[in-house]
């Protein structure tokens, strides 16, 4: 079975402060939060815990996002117990899908290492934060699972990474979200999944989650 990768050009997603030149904001006292959320419209975002936050008085030069976009948000609550926020910075997070593949395709897929910072389940997404060595060529990145073992007790997934012979460059930092709902359905069944990732310093590691 053929499968597709998510193509990623060099992506740098840092904690952004697009309002840092606002002289009315005291960043020494502000409490801010950094989370991945899903855009509902231009001014509303659904956090992975199910809470919706609403941007009040958005900057006219602020980035806009389409319904379903995954977005890394740096935001400040405007008042305790309220869902209104000010966005200090934001960046779109690449969205991948879990792809079904044959066992032979999984075994032959390139799994070149990444420097994994963290991986976690949020809502129906597997989220990752990592570095990969990048210079100029597009890297191919994806998440595969064996199409013949969907009924097994633990669903096993494999992170694949092909550098396309990109020469040595510098560490590129990225976040990435994979939508699991198309294969696993809605959350709530507490199905165990394991994700195999080739890491820079520890070799192939398996990370276990409950979906």
Protein backbone atom coordinates (compact mmCIF):
# COMPACT_ATOMS: atom_id res chain seq x y z
CA UNK A 1 0.00 0.00 0.00
CA UNK A 2 1.29 3.41 -0.86
CA UNK A 3 1.27 6.19 1.69
CA UNK A 4 1.88 9.91 1.83
CA UNK A 5 4.13 11.98 4.05
CA UNK A 6 3.60 15.46 5.34
CA UNK A 7 6.11 17.71 3.59
CA UNK A 8 7.79 20.22 5.87
CA UNK A 9 10.06 22.99 4.64
CA UNK A 10 12.19 24.46 7.43
CA UNK A 11 9.74 25.52 10.14
CA UNK A 12 10.75 27.67 13.08
CA UNK A 13 8.04 28.09 15.70
CA UNK A 14 9.24 30.00 18.73
CA UNK A 15 7.26 31.56 21.54
CA UNK A 16 6.23 34.71 19.70
CA UNK A 17 5.48 38.11 21.19
CA UNK A 18 3.94 40.09 18.38
CA UNK A 19 2.80 42.78 20.84
CA UNK A 20 6.23 43.33 22.37
CA UNK A 21 6.36 46.92 21.14
CA UNK A 22 3.13 47.87 22.91
CA UNK A 23 4.28 50.32 25.59
CA UNK A 24 1.05 49.78 27.56
CA UNK A 25 1.85 46.12 28.28
CA UNK A 26 4.01 45.29 31.28
CA UNK A 27 5.44 41.88 30.41
CA UNK A 28 7.28 41.79 33.73
CA UNK A 29 3.98 41.31 35.56
CA UNK A 30 1.79 39.54 33.01
CA UNK A 31 0.97 35.87 33.35
CA UNK A 32 0.86 34.22 29.96
CA UNK A 33 0.05 30.74 28.69
CA UNK A 34 1.50 28.86 25.72
CA UNK A 35 -0.75 26.14 24.28
CA UNK A 36 -1.74 24.54 21.00
CA UNK A 37 -5.38 25.23 20.11
CA UNK A 38 -7.73 24.71 17.16
CA UNK A 39 -9.06 27.79 15.39
CA UNK A 40 -12.87 28.11 15.33
CA UNK A 41 -12.94 31.46 13.56
CA UNK A 42 -10.78 34.55 13.40
CA UNK A 43 -11.19 35.37 17.10
CA UNK A 44 -12.08 32.08 18.80
CA UNK A 45 -9.85 29.13 19.63
CA UNK A 46 -10.71 25.75 21.15
CA UNK A 47 -8.10 24.57 23.63
CA UNK A 48 -7.39 20.85 23.86
CA UNK A 49 -9.03 20.75 27.29
CA UNK A 50 -12.35 21.71 25.67
CA UNK A 51 -12.35 25.36 26.75
CA UNK A 52 -12.97 28.09 24.19
CA UNK A 53 -11.06 31.34 24.46
CA UNK A 54 -12.14 34.55 22.72
CA UNK A 55 -9.78 37.27 21.53
CA UNK A 56 -10.96 40.70 22.63
CA UNK A 57 -9.96 43.82 20.69
CA UNK A 58 -7.69 41.94 18.27
CA UNK A 59 -4.82 43.81 16.67
CA UNK A 60 -5.73 44.75 13.11
CA UNK A 61 -2.35 43.38 12.00
CA UNK A 62 -2.77 40.10 13.87
CA UNK A 63 -2.49 36.82 11.98
CA UNK A 64 -5.77 35.19 10.98
CA UNK A 65 -6.50 31.47 10.91
CA UNK A 66 -9.09 29.28 9.20
CA UNK A 67 -11.48 26.85 10.86
CA UNK A 68 -9.57 23.74 11.93
CA UNK A 69 -6.09 25.28 11.84
CA UNK A 70 -3.84 24.16 14.68
CA UNK A 71 -2.22 27.20 16.24
CA UNK A 72 0.47 27.71 18.86
CA UNK A 73 -0.84 30.53 21.03
CA UNK A 74 0.87 32.75 23.56
CA UNK A 75 -2.02 34.44 25.38
CA UNK A 76 -2.92 36.34 28.52
CA UNK A 77 -6.27 36.08 30.31
CA UNK A 78 -7.87 39.50 30.58
CA UNK A 79 -9.69 38.71 33.84
CA UNK A 80 -9.81 35.71 36.23
CA UNK A 81 -12.54 33.22 35.42
CA UNK A 82 -13.24 34.81 32.03
CA UNK A 83 -12.56 33.31 28.60
CA UNK A 84 -11.49 36.58 26.99
CA UNK A 85 -7.80 36.82 26.15
CA UNK A 86 -5.17 38.98 24.55
CA UNK A 87 -2.94 37.20 22.02
CA UNK A 88 0.73 38.04 22.56
CA UNK A 89 1.91 35.88 19.66
CA UNK A 90 0.85 32.98 17.49
CA UNK A 91 2.08 30.60 14.79
CA UNK A 92 0.36 27.97 12.68
CA UNK A 93 1.23 24.39 13.60
CA UNK A 94 1.54 21.92 10.69
CA UNK A 95 -1.26 19.35 10.78
CA UNK A 96 -0.62 15.74 9.81
CA UNK A 97 -2.86 12.71 9.54
CA UNK A 98 -2.26 9.18 10.66
CA UNK A 99 -1.74 7.11 7.49
CA UNK A 100 -2.54 3.42 7.10
CA UNK A 101 0.24 1.40 5.49
CA UNK A 102 1.29 -2.20 4.99
CA UNK A 103 3.78 -3.83 7.33
CA UNK A 104 6.39 -3.95 4.57
CA UNK A 105 5.92 -0.26 3.79
CA UNK A 106 6.38 0.60 7.45
CA UNK A 107 9.54 -1.49 7.74
CA UNK A 108 11.06 0.06 4.61
CA UNK A 109 10.14 3.66 5.45
CA UNK A 110 12.97 6.00 6.38
CA UNK A 111 13.12 6.70 10.13
CA UNK A 112 15.97 9.14 10.48
CA UNK A 113 16.37 10.57 13.99
CA UNK A 114 14.89 13.70 15.50
CA UNK A 115 15.71 15.45 18.76
CA UNK A 116 12.38 14.96 20.52
CA UNK A 117 11.46 17.54 23.15
CA UNK A 118 7.99 16.24 24.02
CA UNK A 119 5.03 14.25 22.72
CA UNK A 120 1.52 14.26 24.18
CA UNK A 121 -2.14 13.63 23.43
CA UNK A 122 -4.38 16.69 23.38
CA UNK A 123 -8.02 16.29 22.35
CA UNK A 124 -7.87 13.94 19.33
CA UNK A 125 -4.36 15.00 18.31
CA UNK A 126 -0.93 13.59 18.89
CA UNK A 127 1.26 16.66 19.40
CA UNK A 128 5.02 16.74 19.10
CA UNK A 129 7.75 19.28 19.73
CA UNK A 130 11.16 18.49 18.27
CA UNK A 131 14.29 19.60 16.43
CA UNK A 132 15.66 18.22 13.18
CA UNK A 133 18.85 19.05 11.32
CA UNK A 134 17.96 21.18 8.30
CA UNK A 135 19.74 23.11 5.59
CA UNK A 136 17.88 23.44 2.31
CA UNK A 137 15.92 20.33 1.19
CA UNK A 138 12.33 19.52 2.12
CA UNK A 139 12.03 16.82 4.75
CA UNK A 140 9.28 14.21 4.59
CA UNK A 141 7.63 13.44 7.90
CA UNK A 142 4.68 11.19 8.69
CA UNK A 143 2.98 8.84 11.13
CA UNK A 144 2.12 5.33 9.97
CA UNK A 145 0.17 2.42 11.39
CA UNK A 146 -0.26 -1.14 10.11
CA UNK A 147 -3.58 -1.39 8.28
CA UNK A 148 -3.84 -5.12 9.13
CA UNK A 149 -3.58 -4.65 12.91
CA UNK A 150 -6.22 -2.06 13.64
CA UNK A 151 -8.09 -4.45 15.96
CA UNK A 152 -5.12 -5.24 18.18
CA UNK A 153 -5.32 -4.27 21.86
CA UNK A 154 -2.57 -1.68 21.46
CA UNK A 155 -2.44 0.31 18.26
CA UNK A 156 1.18 0.73 17.19
CA UNK A 157 2.30 3.78 15.25
CA UNK A 158 5.62 4.64 13.64
CA UNK A 159 7.08 8.10 13.17
CA UNK A 160 8.87 8.30 9.82
CA UNK A 161 11.36 10.92 8.71
CA UNK A 162 13.21 11.20 5.41
CA UNK A 163 15.77 14.01 5.07
CA UNK A 164 15.91 13.65 1.26
CA UNK A 165 19.72 13.79 1.56
CA UNK A 166 19.56 17.27 3.04
CA UNK A 167 23.15 18.22 3.91
CA UNK A 168 24.15 19.04 7.46
CA UNK A 169 22.80 22.41 8.51
CA UNK A 170 21.42 23.66 11.81
CA UNK A 171 18.72 22.61 14.30
CA UNK A 172 15.23 23.57 13.12
CA UNK A 173 12.56 23.70 15.82
CA UNK A 174 8.97 22.73 15.09
CA UNK A 175 5.67 21.69 16.58
CA UNK A 176 3.48 19.18 14.76
CA UNK A 177 -0.04 17.82 15.33
CA UNK A 178 -1.40 14.56 13.95
CA UNK A 179 -5.16 14.12 13.76
CA UNK A 180 -5.99 10.64 15.09
CA UNK A 181 -9.76 10.83 14.91
CA UNK A 182 -10.09 9.55 11.35
CA UNK A 183 -8.58 6.19 12.31
CA UNK A 184 -9.33 5.94 16.03
CA UNK A 185 -12.70 7.68 16.15
CA UNK A 186 -13.79 9.96 18.97
CA UNK A 187 -11.96 9.89 22.28
CA UNK A 188 -13.34 8.18 25.37
CA UNK A 189 -12.59 4.50 24.86
CA UNK A 190 -9.18 4.77 26.58
CA UNK A 191 -7.51 2.79 23.84
CA UNK A 192 -3.78 2.35 24.39
CA UNK A 193 -1.49 3.43 21.57
CA UNK A 194 2.28 3.29 21.30
CA UNK A 195 4.37 5.49 19.06
CA UNK A 196 7.83 4.42 17.95
CA UNK A 197 10.25 7.30 17.30
CA UNK A 198 13.92 7.24 16.36
CA UNK A 199 15.59 9.80 18.62
CA UNK A 200 18.97 11.48 18.27
CA UNK A 201 20.50 10.48 21.60
CA UNK A 202 18.53 7.42 22.70
CA UNK A 203 17.87 5.52 19.49
CA UNK A 204 14.43 4.05 18.84
CA UNK A 205 12.09 4.78 21.74
CA UNK A 206 8.47 3.76 22.29
CA UNK A 207 6.06 6.23 23.88
CA UNK A 208 2.77 4.95 25.29
CA UNK A 209 -0.48 6.92 25.51
CA UNK A 210 -4.16 6.37 26.25
CA UNK A 211 -6.42 7.85 23.62
